[in-house]
Each structure stands twice: as C-alpha cells, then as structure tokens.
Amino acid sequence: MTILRSSQNGFWTGTEPNFTGRYLPIAGLNAGTYRLGVEKLRSPLSSLSTPQFDIVIVIG
C-alpha cells in the first residue's frame, strides 16, 4: 500500500526554474515501520535527462 506520493502530496522547494528539491511532509503519519521508495522516472527515456538527486530524511 502506498501512503504518500511526492507527485500528489509533496511540493517543490526553491524558486522556478532552479528548484532545489521536492519536500514531502510526513508529520501526519502514525508511529510505525515504513518502507521508503523512490519516484524518479516517468519513463526509461526520462532517465537519460533526469538529474541525480539525494534523499534527505529530517527527523524532529
């Protein structure tokens, strides 16, 4: 089951056209164990032009 998706629940950080990342608030989740997935590609062709990125998890 997918709880949150960056495309539906997240928003861009930074200013257009130089966005610095995608923020996905998780404050509303209940305590428990979750699996983090990555939603980088729309299609295999996009993988050639999609920039590298780092996943940052901030607690607190």
PDB file of N, CA and C in Angstrom:
ATOM      1  N   MET A   1       0.839  -1.170   0.000  1.00  0.00           N
ATOM      2  CA  MET A   1       0.000   0.000   0.000  1.00  0.00           C
ATOM      3  C   MET A   1       0.890   1.242   0.000  1.00  0.00           C
ATOM      4  N   THR A   2       0.589   2.186  -0.834  1.00  0.00           N
ATOM      5  CA  THR A   2       1.318   3.451  -0.871  1.00  0.00           C
ATOM      6  C   THR A   2       0.566   4.483  -0.043  1.00  0.00           C
ATOM      7  N   ILE A   3       1.258   5.074   0.920  1.00  0.00           N
ATOM      8  CA  ILE A   3       0.635   6.047   1.825  1.00  0.00           C
ATOM      9  C   ILE A   3       0.740   7.465   1.252  1.00  0.00           C
ATOM     10  N   LEU A   4       1.943   7.862   0.841  1.00  0.00           N
ATOM     11  CA  LEU A   4       2.186   9.203   0.304  1.00  0.00           C
ATOM     12  C   LEU A   4       2.968   9.097  -1.003  1.00  0.00           C
ATOM     13  N   ARG A   5       2.711   9.997  -1.907  1.00  0.00           N
ATOM     14  CA  ARG A   5       3.479  10.101  -3.155  1.00  0.00           C
ATOM     15  C   ARG A   5       3.956  11.544  -3.301  1.00  0.00           C
ATOM     16  N   SER A   6       5.200  11.701  -3.730  1.00  0.00           N
ATOM     17  CA  SER A   6       5.712  13.069  -3.875  1.00  0.00           C
ATOM     18  C   SER A   6       4.944  13.830  -4.951  1.00  0.00           C
ATOM     19  N   SER A   7       4.447  13.123  -5.962  1.00  0.00           N
ATOM     20  CA  SER A   7       3.714  13.790  -7.032  1.00  0.00           C
ATOM     21  C   SER A   7       2.346  14.285  -6.586  1.00  0.00           C
ATOM     22  N   GLN A   8       1.777  13.682  -5.535  1.00  0.00           N
ATOM     23  CA  GLN A   8       0.446  14.077  -5.068  1.00  0.00           C
ATOM     24  C   GLN A   8       0.486  14.833  -3.744  1.00  0.00           C
ATOM     25  N   ASN A   9       1.398  14.468  -2.846  1.00  0.00           N
ATOM     26  CA  ASN A   9       1.415  15.050  -1.509  1.00  0.00           C
ATOM     27  C   ASN A   9       2.582  16.005  -1.273  1.00  0.00           C
ATOM     28  N   GLY A  10       3.537  16.055  -2.175  1.00  0.00           N
ATOM     29  CA  GLY A  10       4.720  16.879  -1.981  1.00  0.00           C
ATOM     30  C   GLY A  10       4.659  18.180  -2.743  1.00  0.00           C
ATOM     31  N   PHE A  11       5.681  19.000  -2.541  1.00  0.00           N
ATOM     32  CA  PHE A  11       5.789  20.247  -3.300  1.00  0.00           C
ATOM     33  C   PHE A  11       7.256  20.583  -3.524  1.00  0.00           C
ATOM     34  N   TRP A  12       7.513  21.398  -4.551  1.00  0.00           N
ATOM     35  CA  TRP A  12       8.870  21.792  -4.915  1.00  0.00           C
ATOM     36  C   TRP A  12       9.426  22.790  -3.913  1.00  0.00           C
ATOM     37  N   THR A  13      10.734  22.744  -3.686  1.00  0.00           N
ATOM     38  CA  THR A  13      11.414  23.750  -2.871  1.00  0.00           C
ATOM     39  C   THR A  13      12.318  24.565  -3.783  1.00  0.00           C
ATOM     40  N   GLY A  14      12.634  25.765  -3.382  1.00  0.00           N
ATOM     41  CA  GLY A  14      13.430  26.652  -4.222  1.00  0.00           C
ATOM     42  C   GLY A  14      12.524  27.490  -5.097  1.00  0.00           C
ATOM     43  N   THR A  15      13.115  28.194  -6.050  1.00  0.00           N
ATOM     44  CA  THR A  15      12.344  29.046  -6.943  1.00  0.00           C
ATOM     45  C   THR A  15      12.499  28.588  -8.381  1.00  0.00           C
ATOM     46  N   GLU A  16      11.437  28.738  -9.147  1.00  0.00           N
ATOM     47  CA  GLU A  16      11.435  28.342 -10.546  1.00  0.00           C
ATOM     48  C   GLU A  16      12.372  29.230 -11.338  1.00  0.00           C
ATOM     49  N   PRO A  17      13.172  28.803 -12.259  1.00  0.00           N
ATOM     50  CA  PRO A  17      13.255  27.443 -12.781  1.00  0.00           C
ATOM     51  C   PRO A  17      14.296  26.581 -12.065  1.00  0.00           C
ATOM     52  N   ASN A  18      14.930  27.113 -11.023  1.00  0.00           N
ATOM     53  CA  ASN A  18      16.016  26.386 -10.344  1.00  0.00           C
ATOM     54  C   ASN A  18      15.540  25.765  -9.036  1.00  0.00           C
ATOM     55  N   PHE A  19      14.601  24.849  -9.129  1.00  0.00           N
ATOM     56  CA  PHE A  19      14.120  24.170  -7.932  1.00  0.00           C
ATOM     57  C   PHE A  19      15.265  23.402  -7.290  1.00  0.00           C
ATOM     58  N   THR A  20      15.253  23.347  -5.962  1.00  0.00           N
ATOM     59  CA  THR A  20      16.343  22.674  -5.243  1.00  0.00           C
ATOM     60  C   THR A  20      15.946  21.300  -4.722  1.00  0.00           C
ATOM     61  N   GLY A  21      14.670  20.970  -4.767  1.00  0.00           N
ATOM     62  CA  GLY A  21      14.265  19.655  -4.290  1.00  0.00           C
ATOM     63  C   GLY A  21      12.764  19.505  -4.222  1.00  0.00           C
ATOM     64  N   ARG A  22      12.372  18.387  -3.684  1.00  0.00           N
ATOM     65  CA  ARG A  22      10.950  18.066  -3.527  1.00  0.00           C
ATOM     66  C   ARG A  22      10.729  17.731  -2.062  1.00  0.00           C
ATOM     67  N   TYR A  23       9.776  18.388  -1.421  1.00  0.00           N
ATOM     68  CA  TYR A  23       9.513  18.211   0.000  1.00  0.00           C
ATOM     69  C   TYR A  23       8.238  17.395   0.167  1.00  0.00           C
ATOM     70  N   LEU A  24       8.308  16.371   0.997  1.00  0.00           N
ATOM     71  CA  LEU A  24       7.157  15.526   1.273  1.00  0.00           C
ATOM     72  C   LEU A  24       6.954  15.470   2.783  1.00  0.00           C
ATOM     73  N   PRO A  25       5.976  16.200   3.314  1.00  0.00           N
ATOM     74  CA  PRO A  25       5.763  16.205   4.758  1.00  0.00           C
ATOM     75  C   PRO A  25       5.226  14.858   5.235  1.00  0.00           C
ATOM     76  N   ILE A  26       5.822  14.347   6.311  1.00  0.00           N
ATOM     77  CA  ILE A  26       5.386  13.058   6.852  1.00  0.00           C
ATOM     78  C   ILE A  26       4.913  13.193   8.290  1.00  0.00           C
ATOM     79  N   ALA A  27       4.678  14.415   8.740  1.00  0.00           N
ATOM     80  CA  ALA A  27       4.301  14.659  10.126  1.00  0.00           C
ATOM     81  C   ALA A  27       2.991  13.976  10.511  1.00  0.00           C
ATOM     82  N   GLY A  28       2.095  13.731   9.567  1.00  0.00           N
ATOM     83  CA  GLY A  28       0.807  13.135   9.884  1.00  0.00           C
ATOM     84  C   GLY A  28       0.807  11.615   9.985  1.00  0.00           C
ATOM     85  N   LEU A  29       1.943  10.974   9.733  1.00  0.00           N
ATOM     86  CA  LEU A  29       1.986   9.513   9.784  1.00  0.00           C
ATOM     87  C   LEU A  29       2.047   9.008  11.222  1.00  0.00           C
ATOM     88  N   ASN A  30       1.369   7.914  11.488  1.00  0.00           N
ATOM     89  CA  ASN A  30       1.428   7.293  12.809  1.00  0.00           C
ATOM     90  C   ASN A  30       2.784   6.641  13.011  1.00  0.00           C
ATOM     91  N   ALA A  31       3.165   6.460  14.271  1.00  0.00           N
ATOM     92  CA  ALA A  31       4.421   5.774  14.583  1.00  0.00           C
ATOM     93  C   ALA A  31       4.353   4.356  14.023  1.00  0.00           C
ATOM     94  N   GLY A  32       5.458   3.878  13.491  1.00  0.00           N
ATOM     95  CA  GLY A  32       5.486   2.537  12.923  1.00  0.00           C
ATOM     96  C   GLY A  32       6.651   2.374  11.973  1.00  0.00           C
ATOM     97  N   THR A  33       6.641   1.288  11.248  1.00  0.00           N
ATOM     98  CA  THR A  33       7.689   0.986  10.277  1.00  0.00           C
ATOM     99  C   THR A  33       7.148   1.241   8.877  1.00  0.00           C
ATOM    100  N   TYR A  34       7.917   1.965   8.083  1.00  0.00           N
ATOM    101  CA  TYR A  34       7.528   2.293   6.718  1.00  0.00           C
ATOM    102  C   TYR A  34       8.675   1.951   5.780  1.00  0.00           C
ATOM    103  N   ARG A  35       8.373   1.725   4.538  1.00  0.00           N
ATOM    104  CA  ARG A  35       9.383   1.490   3.509  1.00  0.00           C
ATOM    105  C   ARG A  35       9.424   2.708   2.604  1.00  0.00           C
ATOM    106  N   LEU A  36      10.622   3.227   2.386  1.00  0.00           N
ATOM    107  CA  LEU A  36      10.815   4.403   1.545  1.00  0.00           C
ATOM    108  C   LEU A  36      11.091   3.960   0.114  1.00  0.00           C
ATOM    109  N   GLY A  37      10.291   4.449  -0.811  1.00  0.00           N
ATOM    110  CA  GLY A  37      10.511   4.170  -2.228  1.00  0.00           C
ATOM    111  C   GLY A  37      10.955   5.438  -2.924  1.00  0.00           C
ATOM    112  N   VAL A  38      11.428   5.309  -4.144  1.00  0.00           N
ATOM    113  CA  VAL A  38      11.915   6.456  -4.906  1.00  0.00           C
ATOM    114  C   VAL A  38      11.101   6.578  -6.188  1.00  0.00           C
ATOM    115  N   GLU A  39      10.580   7.772  -6.455  1.00  0.00           N
ATOM    116  CA  GLU A  39       9.764   8.033  -7.640  1.00  0.00           C
ATOM    117  C   GLU A  39      10.535   8.932  -8.603  1.00  0.00           C
ATOM    118  N   LYS A  40      11.577   8.437  -9.191  1.00  0.00           N
ATOM    119  CA  LYS A  40      12.405   9.290 -10.023  1.00  0.00           C
ATOM    120  C   LYS A  40      11.960   9.367 -11.474  1.00  0.00           C
ATOM    121  N   LEU A  41      11.586   8.274 -12.073  1.00  0.00           N
ATOM    122  CA  LEU A  41      11.382   8.237 -13.516  1.00  0.00           C
ATOM    123  C   LEU A  41       9.924   8.159 -13.928  1.00  0.00           C
ATOM    124  N   ARG A  42       9.601   8.873 -14.986  1.00  0.00           N
ATOM    125  CA  ARG A  42       8.285   8.722 -15.610  1.00  0.00           C
ATOM    126  C   ARG A  42       8.346   7.642 -16.682  1.00  0.00           C
ATOM    127  N   SER A  43       9.515   7.501 -17.318  1.00  0.00           N
ATOM    128  CA  SER A  43       9.699   6.508 -18.373  1.00  0.00           C
ATOM    129  C   SER A  43      11.190   6.245 -18.523  1.00  0.00           C
ATOM    130  N   PRO A  44      11.571   5.161 -19.173  1.00  0.00           N
ATOM    131  CA  PRO A  44      13.008   4.885 -19.360  1.00  0.00           C
ATOM    132  C   PRO A  44      13.743   6.012 -20.083  1.00  0.00           C
ATOM    133  N   LEU A  45      13.080   6.680 -21.034  1.00  0.00           N
ATOM    134  CA  LEU A  45      13.730   7.758 -21.776  1.00  0.00           C
ATOM    135  C   LEU A  45      14.057   8.935 -20.858  1.00  0.00           C
ATOM    136  N   SER A  46      13.207   9.201 -19.889  1.00  0.00           N
ATOM    137  CA  SER A  46      13.457  10.312 -18.962  1.00  0.00           C
ATOM    138  C   SER A  46      14.702  10.083 -18.118  1.00  0.00           C
ATOM    139  N   SER A  47      15.088   8.828 -17.943  1.00  0.00           N
ATOM    140  CA  SER A  47      16.251   8.538 -17.108  1.00  0.00           C
ATOM    141  C   SER A  47      17.526   9.132 -17.696  1.00  0.00           C
ATOM    142  N   LEU A  48      17.547   9.387 -19.008  1.00  0.00           N
ATOM    143  CA  LEU A  48      18.731   9.964 -19.641  1.00  0.00           C
ATOM    144  C   LEU A  48      18.892  11.443 -19.306  1.00  0.00           C
ATOM    145  N   SER A  49      17.784  12.111 -18.983  1.00  0.00           N
ATOM    146  CA  SER A  49      17.853  13.550 -18.726  1.00  0.00           C
ATOM    147  C   SER A  49      17.501  13.935 -17.284  1.00  0.00           C
ATOM    148  N   THR A  50      17.099  12.991 -16.466  1.00  0.00           N
ATOM    149  CA  THR A  50      16.750  13.296 -15.082  1.00  0.00           C
ATOM    150  C   THR A  50      18.023  13.503 -14.266  1.00  0.00           C
ATOM    151  N   PRO A  51      18.159  14.635 -13.563  1.00  0.00           N
ATOM    152  CA  PRO A  51      19.378  14.874 -12.790  1.00  0.00           C
ATOM    153  C   PRO A  51      19.491  13.945 -11.591  1.00  0.00           C
ATOM    154  N   GLN A  52      20.711  13.769 -11.107  1.00  0.00           N
ATOM    155  CA  GLN A  52      20.944  12.993  -9.900  1.00  0.00           C
ATOM    156  C   GLN A  52      20.295  13.705  -8.719  1.00  0.00           C
ATOM    157  N   PHE A  53      19.949  12.958  -7.694  1.00  0.00           N
ATOM    158  CA  PHE A  53      19.370  13.570  -6.513  1.00  0.00           C
ATOM    159  C   PHE A  53      19.728  12.756  -5.287  1.00  0.00           C
ATOM    160  N   ASP A  54      19.633  13.386  -4.118  1.00  0.00           N
ATOM    161  CA  ASP A  54      19.866  12.721  -2.841  1.00  0.00           C
ATOM    162  C   ASP A  54      18.557  12.703  -2.058  1.00  0.00           C
ATOM    163  N   ILE A  55      18.348  11.643  -1.302  1.00  0.00           N
ATOM    164  CA  ILE A  55      17.192  11.559  -0.427  1.00  0.00           C
ATOM    165  C   ILE A  55      17.640  12.021   0.951  1.00  0.00           C
ATOM    166  N   VAL A  56      16.925  12.990   1.505  1.00  0.00           N
ATOM    167  CA  VAL A  56      17.257  13.524   2.827  1.00  0.00           C
ATOM    168  C   VAL A  56      16.035  13.329   3.716  1.00  0.00           C
ATOM    169  N   ILE A  57      16.238  12.687   4.864  1.00  0.00           N
ATOM    170  CA  ILE A  57      15.154  12.488   5.827  1.00  0.00           C
ATOM    171  C   ILE A  57      15.501  13.297   7.068  1.00  0.00           C
ATOM    172  N   VAL A  58      14.618  14.216   7.436  1.00  0.00           N
ATOM    173  CA  VAL A  58      14.832  15.084   8.593  1.00  0.00           C
ATOM    174  C   VAL A  58      13.854  14.659   9.689  1.00  0.00           C
ATOM    175  N   ILE A  59      14.364  14.358  10.861  1.00  0.00           N
ATOM    176  CA  ILE A  59      13.528  13.956  11.984  1.00  0.00           C
ATOM    177  C   ILE A  59      13.624  15.034  13.058  1.00  0.00           C
ATOM    178  N   GLY A  60      12.470  15.478  13.504  1.00  0.00           N
ATOM    179  CA  GLY A  60      12.471  16.463  14.580  1.00  0.00           C
ATOM    180  C   GLY A  60      12.019  17.819  14.180  1.00  0.00           C
TER     181      GLY A  60
END
